[in-house]
C-alpha cells in the first residue's frame, strides 16, 4: 500500500512494486513501482517466448485519490475509503516486459461483461499459458443475485489463443460456492487451484481450499482444508490470523510447490498486513 496505509485502503492506495531477494523466503528489498495506484492482485507468469507478464486489476493511472494520512501501515478508522468508480468494475490488465527490471508495457485485455447468471468480472486473475501460447485465466466473479455467504463470489475460467486475447467467456462457475483469490497451476497429474476459502467462512479451519481437474473443465473441490489461519512457528509461537488470503506458490526446479505465500492480518483491531512465506514439505 502506498503512503504507509493498511488493507482498508486497498481500493485507493494499492500499487504494484518490484522487490528482490537472493532466496525465496526473503527478506525482500523493495525496488521500483511498476504500476501506480490503483493496481492490485498482481500475479506474474512467464510466456513461452520469455516475456514476463503481470496480470492485475485496477486502472493504474493515478486517479484513485489515494489516502495520504496513514501511519505505521494502518488506515485511520475515520477515513472514507470508497474507490473511484471508474477504476473498479472488475477490469484486468497485463503488464509485459522482456526483463524483470522493465520497462513494462500495459495491455487492457480483460474487461467485465455484466450479463447472464454468471457475470464475467475479472477480479483476481490467475493465468496458465500453454507452450503454444494458448491461455487460460482463472478469475473471481461477483454474482449479486446469489445467496450472501453462499454463492456470490464465484470462480470461472476464460480462454484465449494468446495472452493478449480476445478471451472466450464462461457461462458457469467451476465451483458453485463462495471462493476468491484463485492461484492456478498445472502439474503432471492435472490442473490445480488454491483459493481463499469463503464457504463456510471459518478461517481457523478453512482459510485455504484446493480444487483439482484432469482437463480444466470438470473440477473436484476438496472437502479438506488446504491450510488454515493458524500458523505454528519453530520458536514455539502460534498465531491465529484474522485474515490469511491471496495464496500463491513458489515452485522448485522440479515443478513442485516449495513455498506458500499468503497475505495476512494478525488482528481485526487494525488493518496492518504483510506477506507471509511458509515452506512446504515435498
C-alpha atoms as a PDB file:
ATOM      1  CA  UNK A   1       0.000   0.000   0.000  1.00  0.00           C
ATOM      2  CA  UNK A   2       1.231   3.459  -0.849  1.00  0.00           C
ATOM      3  CA  UNK A   3       1.608   6.171   1.796  1.00  0.00           C
ATOM      4  CA  UNK A   4       2.066   3.615   4.623  1.00  0.00           C
ATOM      5  CA  UNK A   5      -1.613   2.603   4.574  1.00  0.00           C
ATOM      6  CA  UNK A   6      -3.267  -0.665   5.551  1.00  0.00           C
ATOM      7  CA  UNK A   7      -5.603  -3.082   3.821  1.00  0.00           C
ATOM      8  CA  UNK A   8      -8.750  -0.991   4.324  1.00  0.00           C
ATOM      9  CA  UNK A   9      -7.353   1.463   1.771  1.00  0.00           C
ATOM     10  CA  UNK A  10      -6.586  -1.166  -0.883  1.00  0.00           C
ATOM     11  CA  UNK A  11      -9.048   0.241  -3.434  1.00  0.00           C
ATOM     12  CA  UNK A  12      -7.373   3.644  -3.281  1.00  0.00           C
ATOM     13  CA  UNK A  13      -3.725   3.038  -2.392  1.00  0.00           C
ATOM     14  CA  UNK A  14      -2.673  -0.279  -3.925  1.00  0.00           C
ATOM     15  CA  UNK A  15       0.390  -0.202  -6.174  1.00  0.00           C
ATOM     16  CA  UNK A  16       2.472  -2.962  -7.761  1.00  0.00           C
ATOM     17  CA  UNK A  17       6.099  -2.870  -6.698  1.00  0.00           C
ATOM     18  CA  UNK A  18       9.141  -4.871  -7.722  1.00  0.00           C
ATOM     19  CA  UNK A  19      11.070  -6.440  -4.830  1.00  0.00           C
ATOM     20  CA  UNK A  20      14.098  -8.748  -4.799  1.00  0.00           C
ATOM     21  CA  UNK A  21      15.714 -11.309  -2.537  1.00  0.00           C
ATOM     22  CA  UNK A  22      18.604 -13.760  -3.033  1.00  0.00           C
ATOM     23  CA  UNK A  23      16.448 -16.549  -1.523  1.00  0.00           C
ATOM     24  CA  UNK A  24      12.704 -17.265  -1.855  1.00  0.00           C
ATOM     25  CA  UNK A  25      11.945 -16.873   1.848  1.00  0.00           C
ATOM     26  CA  UNK A  26      13.362 -13.344   1.952  1.00  0.00           C
ATOM     27  CA  UNK A  27      13.875 -10.789   3.309  1.00  0.00           C
ATOM     28  CA  UNK A  28      12.937  -8.779   0.219  1.00  0.00           C
ATOM     29  CA  UNK A  29      14.318  -5.388  -0.735  1.00  0.00           C
ATOM     30  CA  UNK A  30      11.702  -3.071  -2.309  1.00  0.00           C
ATOM     31  CA  UNK A  31      12.636  -1.544  -5.650  1.00  0.00           C
ATOM     32  CA  UNK A  32      10.710   0.431  -8.273  1.00  0.00           C
ATOM     33  CA  UNK A  33       6.924   0.751  -8.549  1.00  0.00           C
ATOM     34  CA  UNK A  34       5.884  -0.786 -11.881  1.00  0.00           C
ATOM     35  CA  UNK A  35       2.207   0.269 -11.729  1.00  0.00           C
ATOM     36  CA  UNK A  36       0.858   3.144  -9.664  1.00  0.00           C
ATOM     37  CA  UNK A  37      -2.431   3.341  -7.784  1.00  0.00           C
ATOM     38  CA  UNK A  38      -4.896   1.818  -8.140  1.00  0.00           C
ATOM     39  CA  UNK A  39      -3.338  -1.550  -9.084  1.00  0.00           C
ATOM     40  CA  UNK A  40      -3.955  -4.708  -7.069  1.00  0.00           C
ATOM     41  CA  UNK A  41      -3.953  -8.534  -7.151  1.00  0.00           C
ATOM     42  CA  UNK A  42      -0.707  -8.989  -9.157  1.00  0.00           C
ATOM     43  CA  UNK A  43       0.186 -12.465 -10.443  1.00  0.00           C
ATOM     44  CA  UNK A  44       3.330 -12.939 -12.511  1.00  0.00           C
ATOM     45  CA  UNK A  45       3.925 -15.609 -15.148  1.00  0.00           C
ATOM     46  CA  UNK A  46       6.405 -16.111 -17.981  1.00  0.00           C
ATOM     47  CA  UNK A  47       5.132 -16.556 -21.538  1.00  0.00           C
ATOM     48  CA  UNK A  48       6.660 -19.197 -23.850  1.00  0.00           C
ATOM     49  CA  UNK A  49       8.738 -16.517 -25.621  1.00  0.00           C
ATOM     50  CA  UNK A  50      10.273 -15.427 -22.315  1.00  0.00           C
ATOM     51  CA  UNK A  51       8.133 -12.329 -21.796  1.00  0.00           C
ATOM     52  CA  UNK A  52       7.248 -11.624 -18.177  1.00  0.00           C
ATOM     53  CA  UNK A  53       3.536 -10.934 -17.666  1.00  0.00           C
ATOM     54  CA  UNK A  54       1.910  -9.387 -14.596  1.00  0.00           C
ATOM     55  CA  UNK A  55      -1.874  -9.814 -14.511  1.00  0.00           C
ATOM     56  CA  UNK A  56      -3.625  -7.400 -12.154  1.00  0.00           C
ATOM     57  CA  UNK A  57      -6.798  -5.413 -11.524  1.00  0.00           C
ATOM     58  CA  UNK A  58      -7.196  -1.643 -11.442  1.00  0.00           C
ATOM     59  CA  UNK A  59      -6.593   1.346 -13.707  1.00  0.00           C
ATOM     60  CA  UNK A  60      -3.052   2.067 -12.574  1.00  0.00           C
ATOM     61  CA  UNK A  61      -3.302   5.652 -13.822  1.00  0.00           C
ATOM     62  CA  UNK A  62      -3.022   7.579 -10.540  1.00  0.00           C
ATOM     63  CA  UNK A  63      -6.660   8.750 -10.490  1.00  0.00           C
ATOM     64  CA  UNK A  64      -7.793   6.797  -7.427  1.00  0.00           C
ATOM     65  CA  UNK A  65      -7.277   9.693  -4.972  1.00  0.00           C
ATOM     66  CA  UNK A  66      -5.036   7.807  -2.522  1.00  0.00           C
ATOM     67  CA  UNK A  67      -5.214   8.366   1.208  1.00  0.00           C
ATOM     68  CA  UNK A  68      -2.098  10.207   2.408  1.00  0.00           C
ATOM     69  CA  UNK A  69      -2.622  10.420   6.179  1.00  0.00           C
ATOM     70  CA  UNK A  70      -1.857   6.809   7.170  1.00  0.00           C
ATOM     71  CA  UNK A  71       0.877   5.846   9.636  1.00  0.00           C
ATOM     72  CA  UNK A  72       2.690   2.614  10.530  1.00  0.00           C
ATOM     73  CA  UNK A  73       0.930   0.577   7.856  1.00  0.00           C
ATOM     74  CA  UNK A  74      -2.573   1.264   9.182  1.00  0.00           C
ATOM     75  CA  UNK A  75      -5.521   3.268   7.861  1.00  0.00           C
ATOM     76  CA  UNK A  76      -7.354   5.685  10.227  1.00  0.00           C
ATOM     77  CA  UNK A  77     -10.787   4.253  11.012  1.00  0.00           C
ATOM     78  CA  UNK A  78     -12.473   7.616  10.422  1.00  0.00           C
ATOM     79  CA  UNK A  79     -11.448   7.852   6.756  1.00  0.00           C
ATOM     80  CA  UNK A  80     -13.766   7.061   3.861  1.00  0.00           C
ATOM     81  CA  UNK A  81     -12.015   4.530   1.654  1.00  0.00           C
ATOM     82  CA  UNK A  82     -14.519   4.059  -1.181  1.00  0.00           C
ATOM     83  CA  UNK A  83     -12.833   3.533  -4.555  1.00  0.00           C
ATOM     84  CA  UNK A  84     -13.031   5.683  -7.644  1.00  0.00           C
ATOM     85  CA  UNK A  85     -15.897   4.170  -9.651  1.00  0.00           C
ATOM     86  CA  UNK A  86     -14.084   4.337 -12.993  1.00  0.00           C
ATOM     87  CA  UNK A  87     -11.169   2.414 -11.555  1.00  0.00           C
ATOM     88  CA  UNK A  88     -13.117  -0.637 -10.432  1.00  0.00           C
ATOM     89  CA  UNK A  89     -15.754  -2.777 -12.063  1.00  0.00           C
ATOM     90  CA  UNK A  90     -13.699  -5.924 -12.478  1.00  0.00           C
ATOM     91  CA  UNK A  91     -11.354  -4.902 -15.312  1.00  0.00           C
ATOM     92  CA  UNK A  92      -7.980  -6.597 -15.519  1.00  0.00           C
ATOM     93  CA  UNK A  93      -4.794  -5.582 -17.283  1.00  0.00           C
ATOM     94  CA  UNK A  94      -1.483  -7.202 -18.137  1.00  0.00           C
ATOM     95  CA  UNK A  95       1.951  -5.616 -17.800  1.00  0.00           C
ATOM     96  CA  UNK A  96       4.533  -7.112 -20.169  1.00  0.00           C
ATOM     97  CA  UNK A  97       8.320  -6.868 -20.218  1.00  0.00           C
ATOM     98  CA  UNK A  98      11.302  -8.820 -21.524  1.00  0.00           C
ATOM     99  CA  UNK A  99      13.093  -8.066 -18.241  1.00  0.00           C
ATOM    100  CA  UNK A 100      12.028  -8.071 -14.611  1.00  0.00           C
ATOM    101  CA  UNK A 101      13.665  -4.653 -14.416  1.00  0.00           C
ATOM    102  CA  UNK A 102      11.316  -3.295 -17.113  1.00  0.00           C
ATOM    103  CA  UNK A 103      10.303  -1.271 -18.967  1.00  0.00           C
ATOM    104  CA  UNK A 104       6.724  -2.535 -18.727  1.00  0.00           C
ATOM    105  CA  UNK A 105       4.049  -2.141 -21.407  1.00  0.00           C
ATOM    106  CA  UNK A 106       0.388  -2.225 -20.369  1.00  0.00           C
ATOM    107  CA  UNK A 107      -2.316  -4.199 -22.207  1.00  0.00           C
ATOM    108  CA  UNK A 108      -6.002  -3.901 -21.290  1.00  0.00           C
ATOM    109  CA  UNK A 109      -7.039  -7.412 -22.255  1.00  0.00           C
ATOM    110  CA  UNK A 110      -9.790  -8.447 -19.837  1.00  0.00           C
ATOM    111  CA  UNK A 111     -12.974  -6.446 -19.451  1.00  0.00           C
ATOM    112  CA  UNK A 112     -16.075  -7.292 -17.405  1.00  0.00           C
ATOM    113  CA  UNK A 113     -19.315  -8.394 -19.043  1.00  0.00           C
ATOM    114  CA  UNK A 114     -22.135  -7.801 -16.591  1.00  0.00           C
ATOM    115  CA  UNK A 115     -24.822 -10.016 -18.064  1.00  0.00           C
ATOM    116  CA  UNK A 116     -26.180 -13.504 -17.573  1.00  0.00           C
ATOM    117  CA  UNK A 117     -26.417 -15.654 -14.475  1.00  0.00           C
ATOM    118  CA  UNK A 118     -22.636 -15.729 -14.097  1.00  0.00           C
ATOM    119  CA  UNK A 119     -21.327 -12.251 -14.999  1.00  0.00           C
ATOM    120  CA  UNK A 120     -17.731 -12.065 -16.153  1.00  0.00           C
ATOM    121  CA  UNK A 121     -15.959  -9.804 -13.654  1.00  0.00           C
ATOM    122  CA  UNK A 122     -12.248 -10.412 -13.885  1.00  0.00           C
ATOM    123  CA  UNK A 123     -11.127  -9.888 -10.315  1.00  0.00           C
ATOM    124  CA  UNK A 124      -8.173 -11.888  -9.006  1.00  0.00           C
ATOM    125  CA  UNK A 125      -6.878 -13.025 -12.452  1.00  0.00           C
ATOM    126  CA  UNK A 126      -4.571 -16.050 -12.357  1.00  0.00           C
ATOM    127  CA  UNK A 127      -3.202 -17.278 -15.721  1.00  0.00           C
ATOM    128  CA  UNK A 128      -1.867 -20.547 -17.099  1.00  0.00           C
ATOM    129  CA  UNK A 129      -0.135 -20.390 -20.504  1.00  0.00           C
ATOM    130  CA  UNK A 130       0.433 -23.484 -22.648  1.00  0.00           C
ATOM    131  CA  UNK A 131       3.705 -23.927 -24.591  1.00  0.00           C
ATOM    132  CA  UNK A 132       1.874 -22.992 -27.823  1.00  0.00           C
ATOM    133  CA  UNK A 133       0.655 -19.724 -26.288  1.00  0.00           C
ATOM    134  CA  UNK A 134      -2.952 -20.694 -25.576  1.00  0.00           C
ATOM    135  CA  UNK A 135      -4.002 -19.088 -22.319  1.00  0.00           C
ATOM    136  CA  UNK A 136      -6.440 -19.849 -19.521  1.00  0.00           C
ATOM    137  CA  UNK A 137      -7.243 -17.226 -16.902  1.00  0.00           C
ATOM    138  CA  UNK A 138      -8.971 -18.208 -13.694  1.00  0.00           C
ATOM    139  CA  UNK A 139     -10.818 -15.333 -12.050  1.00  0.00           C
ATOM    140  CA  UNK A 140     -13.305 -14.354  -9.401  1.00  0.00           C
ATOM    141  CA  UNK A 141     -16.717 -13.029 -10.423  1.00  0.00           C
ATOM    142  CA  UNK A 142     -19.341 -11.265  -8.321  1.00  0.00           C
ATOM    143  CA  UNK A 143     -22.876 -12.630  -8.656  1.00  0.00           C
ATOM    144  CA  UNK A 144     -25.022 -10.072  -6.884  1.00  0.00           C
ATOM    145  CA  UNK A 145     -28.198 -12.172  -7.069  1.00  0.00           C
ATOM    146  CA  UNK A 146     -26.638 -15.059  -5.193  1.00  0.00           C
ATOM    147  CA  UNK A 147     -27.231 -16.046  -1.577  1.00  0.00           C
ATOM    148  CA  UNK A 148     -24.999 -13.961   0.737  1.00  0.00           C
ATOM    149  CA  UNK A 149     -22.209 -16.076   2.170  1.00  0.00           C
ATOM    150  CA  UNK A 150     -23.028 -18.990  -0.155  1.00  0.00           C
ATOM    151  CA  UNK A 151     -22.726 -18.266  -3.882  1.00  0.00           C
ATOM    152  CA  UNK A 152     -21.949 -14.615  -4.552  1.00  0.00           C
ATOM    153  CA  UNK A 153     -18.190 -14.690  -5.147  1.00  0.00           C
ATOM    154  CA  UNK A 154     -17.625 -17.406  -7.741  1.00  0.00           C
ATOM    155  CA  UNK A 155     -14.682 -18.761  -9.765  1.00  0.00           C
ATOM    156  CA  UNK A 156     -14.581 -19.049 -13.560  1.00  0.00           C
ATOM    157  CA  UNK A 157     -12.049 -19.681 -16.346  1.00  0.00           C
ATOM    158  CA  UNK A 158     -11.684 -17.629 -19.535  1.00  0.00           C
ATOM    159  CA  UNK A 159      -9.673 -18.868 -22.525  1.00  0.00           C
ATOM    160  CA  UNK A 160      -7.831 -17.339 -25.479  1.00  0.00           C
ATOM    161  CA  UNK A 161      -5.389 -18.319 -28.230  1.00  0.00           C
ATOM    162  CA  UNK A 162      -2.909 -15.804 -26.808  1.00  0.00           C
ATOM    163  CA  UNK A 163      -2.454 -13.955 -23.536  1.00  0.00           C
ATOM    164  CA  UNK A 164      -3.374 -10.791 -25.458  1.00  0.00           C
ATOM    165  CA  UNK A 165      -6.863 -12.207 -26.094  1.00  0.00           C
ATOM    166  CA  UNK A 166      -9.616 -11.950 -27.144  1.00  0.00           C
ATOM    167  CA  UNK A 167     -10.956 -14.213 -24.422  1.00  0.00           C
ATOM    168  CA  UNK A 168     -13.868 -16.632 -24.583  1.00  0.00           C
ATOM    169  CA  UNK A 169     -16.001 -16.156 -21.501  1.00  0.00           C
ATOM    170  CA  UNK A 170     -17.584 -18.919 -19.425  1.00  0.00           C
ATOM    171  CA  UNK A 171     -21.285 -19.206 -18.727  1.00  0.00           C
ATOM    172  CA  UNK A 172     -20.995 -21.136 -15.465  1.00  0.00           C
ATOM    173  CA  UNK A 173     -18.640 -21.096 -12.476  1.00  0.00           C
ATOM    174  CA  UNK A 174     -16.333 -24.066 -11.968  1.00  0.00           C
ATOM    175  CA  UNK A 175     -17.417 -24.350  -8.323  1.00  0.00           C
ATOM    176  CA  UNK A 176     -20.917 -23.390  -7.090  1.00  0.00           C
ATOM    177  CA  UNK A 177     -19.907 -21.908  -3.731  1.00  0.00           C
ATOM    178  CA  UNK A 178     -18.010 -18.867  -2.443  1.00  0.00           C
ATOM    179  CA  UNK A 179     -14.256 -18.688  -3.025  1.00  0.00           C
ATOM    180  CA  UNK A 180     -11.869 -15.923  -4.099  1.00  0.00           C
ATOM    181  CA  UNK A 181      -8.182 -15.196  -4.820  1.00  0.00           C
ATOM    182  CA  UNK A 182      -7.516 -18.203  -7.089  1.00  0.00           C
ATOM    183  CA  UNK A 183      -3.978 -19.376  -7.810  1.00  0.00           C
ATOM    184  CA  UNK A 184      -3.964 -21.607 -10.895  1.00  0.00           C
ATOM    185  CA  UNK A 185      -1.282 -24.104 -11.968  1.00  0.00           C
ATOM    186  CA  UNK A 186      -0.717 -27.375 -13.771  1.00  0.00           C
ATOM    187  CA  UNK A 187       1.232 -30.442 -12.671  1.00  0.00           C
ATOM    188  CA  UNK A 188       1.917 -33.765 -14.369  1.00  0.00           C
ATOM    189  CA  UNK A 189      -1.297 -35.024 -12.743  1.00  0.00           C
ATOM    190  CA  UNK A 190      -3.590 -32.275 -13.995  1.00  0.00           C
ATOM    191  CA  UNK A 191      -4.790 -28.784 -13.132  1.00  0.00           C
ATOM    192  CA  UNK A 192      -4.946 -27.306  -9.655  1.00  0.00           C
ATOM    193  CA  UNK A 193      -6.227 -24.205  -7.911  1.00  0.00           C
ATOM    194  CA  UNK A 194      -5.787 -22.757  -4.450  1.00  0.00           C
ATOM    195  CA  UNK A 195      -8.397 -20.330  -3.134  1.00  0.00           C
ATOM    196  CA  UNK A 196      -9.089 -18.144  -0.175  1.00  0.00           C
ATOM    197  CA  UNK A 197     -11.962 -20.226   1.185  1.00  0.00           C
ATOM    198  CA  UNK A 198     -15.202 -18.385   1.940  1.00  0.00           C
ATOM    199  CA  UNK A 199     -17.748 -21.180   2.307  1.00  0.00           C
ATOM    200  CA  UNK A 200     -18.001 -21.877   5.127  1.00  0.00           C
ATOM    201  CA  UNK A 201     -16.287 -18.703   6.309  1.00  0.00           C
ATOM    202  CA  UNK A 202     -14.271 -20.171   9.166  1.00  0.00           C
ATOM    203  CA  UNK A 203     -10.666 -19.062   8.723  1.00  0.00           C
ATOM    204  CA  UNK A 204      -9.276 -21.128  11.582  1.00  0.00           C
ATOM    205  CA  UNK A 205     -10.466 -24.245   9.709  1.00  0.00           C
ATOM    206  CA  UNK A 206     -10.900 -23.336   6.025  1.00  0.00           C
ATOM    207  CA  UNK A 207      -8.715 -20.328   5.143  1.00  0.00           C
ATOM    208  CA  UNK A 208      -7.317 -22.119   2.099  1.00  0.00           C
ATOM    209  CA  UNK A 209      -9.149 -24.506  -0.242  1.00  0.00           C
ATOM    210  CA  UNK A 210      -7.945 -26.707  -3.114  1.00  0.00           C
ATOM    211  CA  UNK A 211      -9.592 -27.933  -6.301  1.00  0.00           C
ATOM    212  CA  UNK A 212      -8.325 -30.382  -8.930  1.00  0.00           C
ATOM    213  CA  UNK A 213      -9.257 -31.047 -12.560  1.00  0.00           C
ATOM    214  CA  UNK A 214      -7.906 -33.543 -15.106  1.00  0.00           C
ATOM    215  CA  UNK A 215      -8.855 -31.252 -18.023  1.00  0.00           C
ATOM    216  CA  UNK A 216      -9.519 -27.719 -16.632  1.00  0.00           C
ATOM    217  CA  UNK A 217     -13.228 -28.278 -17.386  1.00  0.00           C
ATOM    218  CA  UNK A 218     -14.559 -30.640 -14.716  1.00  0.00           C
ATOM    219  CA  UNK A 219     -13.380 -29.616 -11.249  1.00  0.00           C
ATOM    220  CA  UNK A 220     -13.350 -31.524  -7.973  1.00  0.00           C
ATOM    221  CA  UNK A 221     -13.418 -29.389  -4.837  1.00  0.00           C
ATOM    222  CA  UNK A 222     -11.638 -30.925  -1.857  1.00  0.00           C
ATOM    223  CA  UNK A 223     -13.663 -31.120   1.353  1.00  0.00           C
ATOM    224  CA  UNK A 224     -10.372 -30.814   3.265  1.00  0.00           C
ATOM    225  CA  UNK A 225      -8.720 -27.517   4.086  1.00  0.00           C
ATOM    226  CA  UNK A 226      -5.512 -26.739   2.182  1.00  0.00           C
ATOM    227  CA  UNK A 227      -4.310 -24.544   5.066  1.00  0.00           C
ATOM    228  CA  UNK A 228      -5.832 -22.597   7.944  1.00  0.00           C
ATOM    229  CA  UNK A 229      -5.283 -19.191   9.528  1.00  0.00           C
ATOM    230  CA  UNK A 230      -3.430 -20.886  12.415  1.00  0.00           C
ATOM    231  CA  UNK A 231       0.345 -20.968  11.939  1.00  0.00           C
ATOM    232  CA  UNK A 232       2.773 -22.746  14.270  1.00  0.00           C
ATOM    233  CA  UNK A 233       6.351 -21.446  14.300  1.00  0.00           C
ATOM    234  CA  UNK A 234       9.611 -23.230  15.044  1.00  0.00           C
ATOM    235  CA  UNK A 235      10.232 -20.964  18.045  1.00  0.00           C
ATOM    236  CA  UNK A 236       7.063 -22.268  19.722  1.00  0.00           C
ATOM    237  CA  UNK A 237       4.747 -19.373  18.862  1.00  0.00           C
ATOM    238  CA  UNK A 238       1.287 -19.911  17.407  1.00  0.00           C
ATOM    239  CA  UNK A 239      -0.614 -17.126  15.678  1.00  0.00           C
ATOM    240  CA  UNK A 240      -4.249 -17.325  14.612  1.00  0.00           C
ATOM    241  CA  UNK A 241      -4.509 -14.666  11.931  1.00  0.00           C
ATOM    242  CA  UNK A 242      -7.676 -12.641  11.393  1.00  0.00           C
ATOM    243  CA  UNK A 243      -7.025 -12.847   7.642  1.00  0.00           C
ATOM    244  CA  UNK A 244      -4.972 -15.261   5.563  1.00  0.00           C
ATOM    245  CA  UNK A 245      -5.755 -14.633   1.904  1.00  0.00           C
ATOM    246  CA  UNK A 246      -4.243 -14.287  -1.622  1.00  0.00           C
ATOM    247  CA  UNK A 247      -2.446 -17.668  -1.830  1.00  0.00           C
ATOM    248  CA  UNK A 248       0.460 -18.009  -4.254  1.00  0.00           C
ATOM    249  CA  UNK A 249       3.011 -20.781  -4.688  1.00  0.00           C
ATOM    250  CA  UNK A 250       6.721 -20.751  -5.496  1.00  0.00           C
ATOM    251  CA  UNK A 251       7.976 -23.909  -7.208  1.00  0.00           C
ATOM    252  CA  UNK A 252      11.332 -25.693  -7.162  1.00  0.00           C
ATOM    253  CA  UNK A 253      13.248 -26.772 -10.261  1.00  0.00           C
ATOM    254  CA  UNK A 254      11.203 -29.996 -10.409  1.00  0.00           C
ATOM    255  CA  UNK A 255       7.948 -28.064 -10.607  1.00  0.00           C
ATOM    256  CA  UNK A 256       6.949 -28.998  -7.053  1.00  0.00           C
ATOM    257  CA  UNK A 257       5.406 -26.395  -4.700  1.00  0.00           C
ATOM    258  CA  UNK A 258       8.141 -25.241  -2.327  1.00  0.00           C
ATOM    259  CA  UNK A 259       6.729 -22.148  -0.591  1.00  0.00           C
ATOM    260  CA  UNK A 260       3.208 -20.906   0.170  1.00  0.00           C
ATOM    261  CA  UNK A 261       2.795 -17.130   0.110  1.00  0.00           C
ATOM    262  CA  UNK A 262      -0.281 -15.531   1.683  1.00  0.00           C
ATOM    263  CA  UNK A 263      -1.369 -12.049   2.711  1.00  0.00           C
ATOM    264  CA  UNK A 264      -2.001 -11.959   6.460  1.00  0.00           C
ATOM    265  CA  UNK A 265      -3.550  -9.642   9.020  1.00  0.00           C
ATOM    266  CA  UNK A 266      -2.964 -10.526  12.663  1.00  0.00           C
ATOM    267  CA  UNK A 267      -5.971  -8.846  14.276  1.00  0.00           C
ATOM    268  CA  UNK A 268      -9.259  -7.132  13.410  1.00  0.00           C
ATOM    269  CA  UNK A 269      -8.302  -4.171  15.640  1.00  0.00           C
ATOM    270  CA  UNK A 270      -6.161  -2.645  12.852  1.00  0.00           C
ATOM    271  CA  UNK A 271      -5.557  -3.237   9.144  1.00  0.00           C
ATOM    272  CA  UNK A 272      -1.765  -3.710   9.098  1.00  0.00           C
ATOM    273  CA  UNK A 273      -0.967  -6.567   6.689  1.00  0.00           C
ATOM    274  CA  UNK A 274       2.101  -8.275   5.265  1.00  0.00           C
ATOM    275  CA  UNK A 275       3.172 -11.166   3.051  1.00  0.00           C
ATOM    276  CA  UNK A 276       3.786 -14.452   4.877  1.00  0.00           C
ATOM    277  CA  UNK A 277       6.063 -17.099   3.322  1.00  0.00           C
ATOM    278  CA  UNK A 278       5.859 -20.693   4.601  1.00  0.00           C
ATOM    279  CA  UNK A 279       7.953 -23.684   3.421  1.00  0.00           C
ATOM    280  CA  UNK A 280       6.074 -26.704   2.051  1.00  0.00           C
ATOM    281  CA  UNK A 281       7.227 -30.261   2.668  1.00  0.00           C
ATOM    282  CA  UNK A 282       7.600 -32.133  -0.635  1.00  0.00           C
END
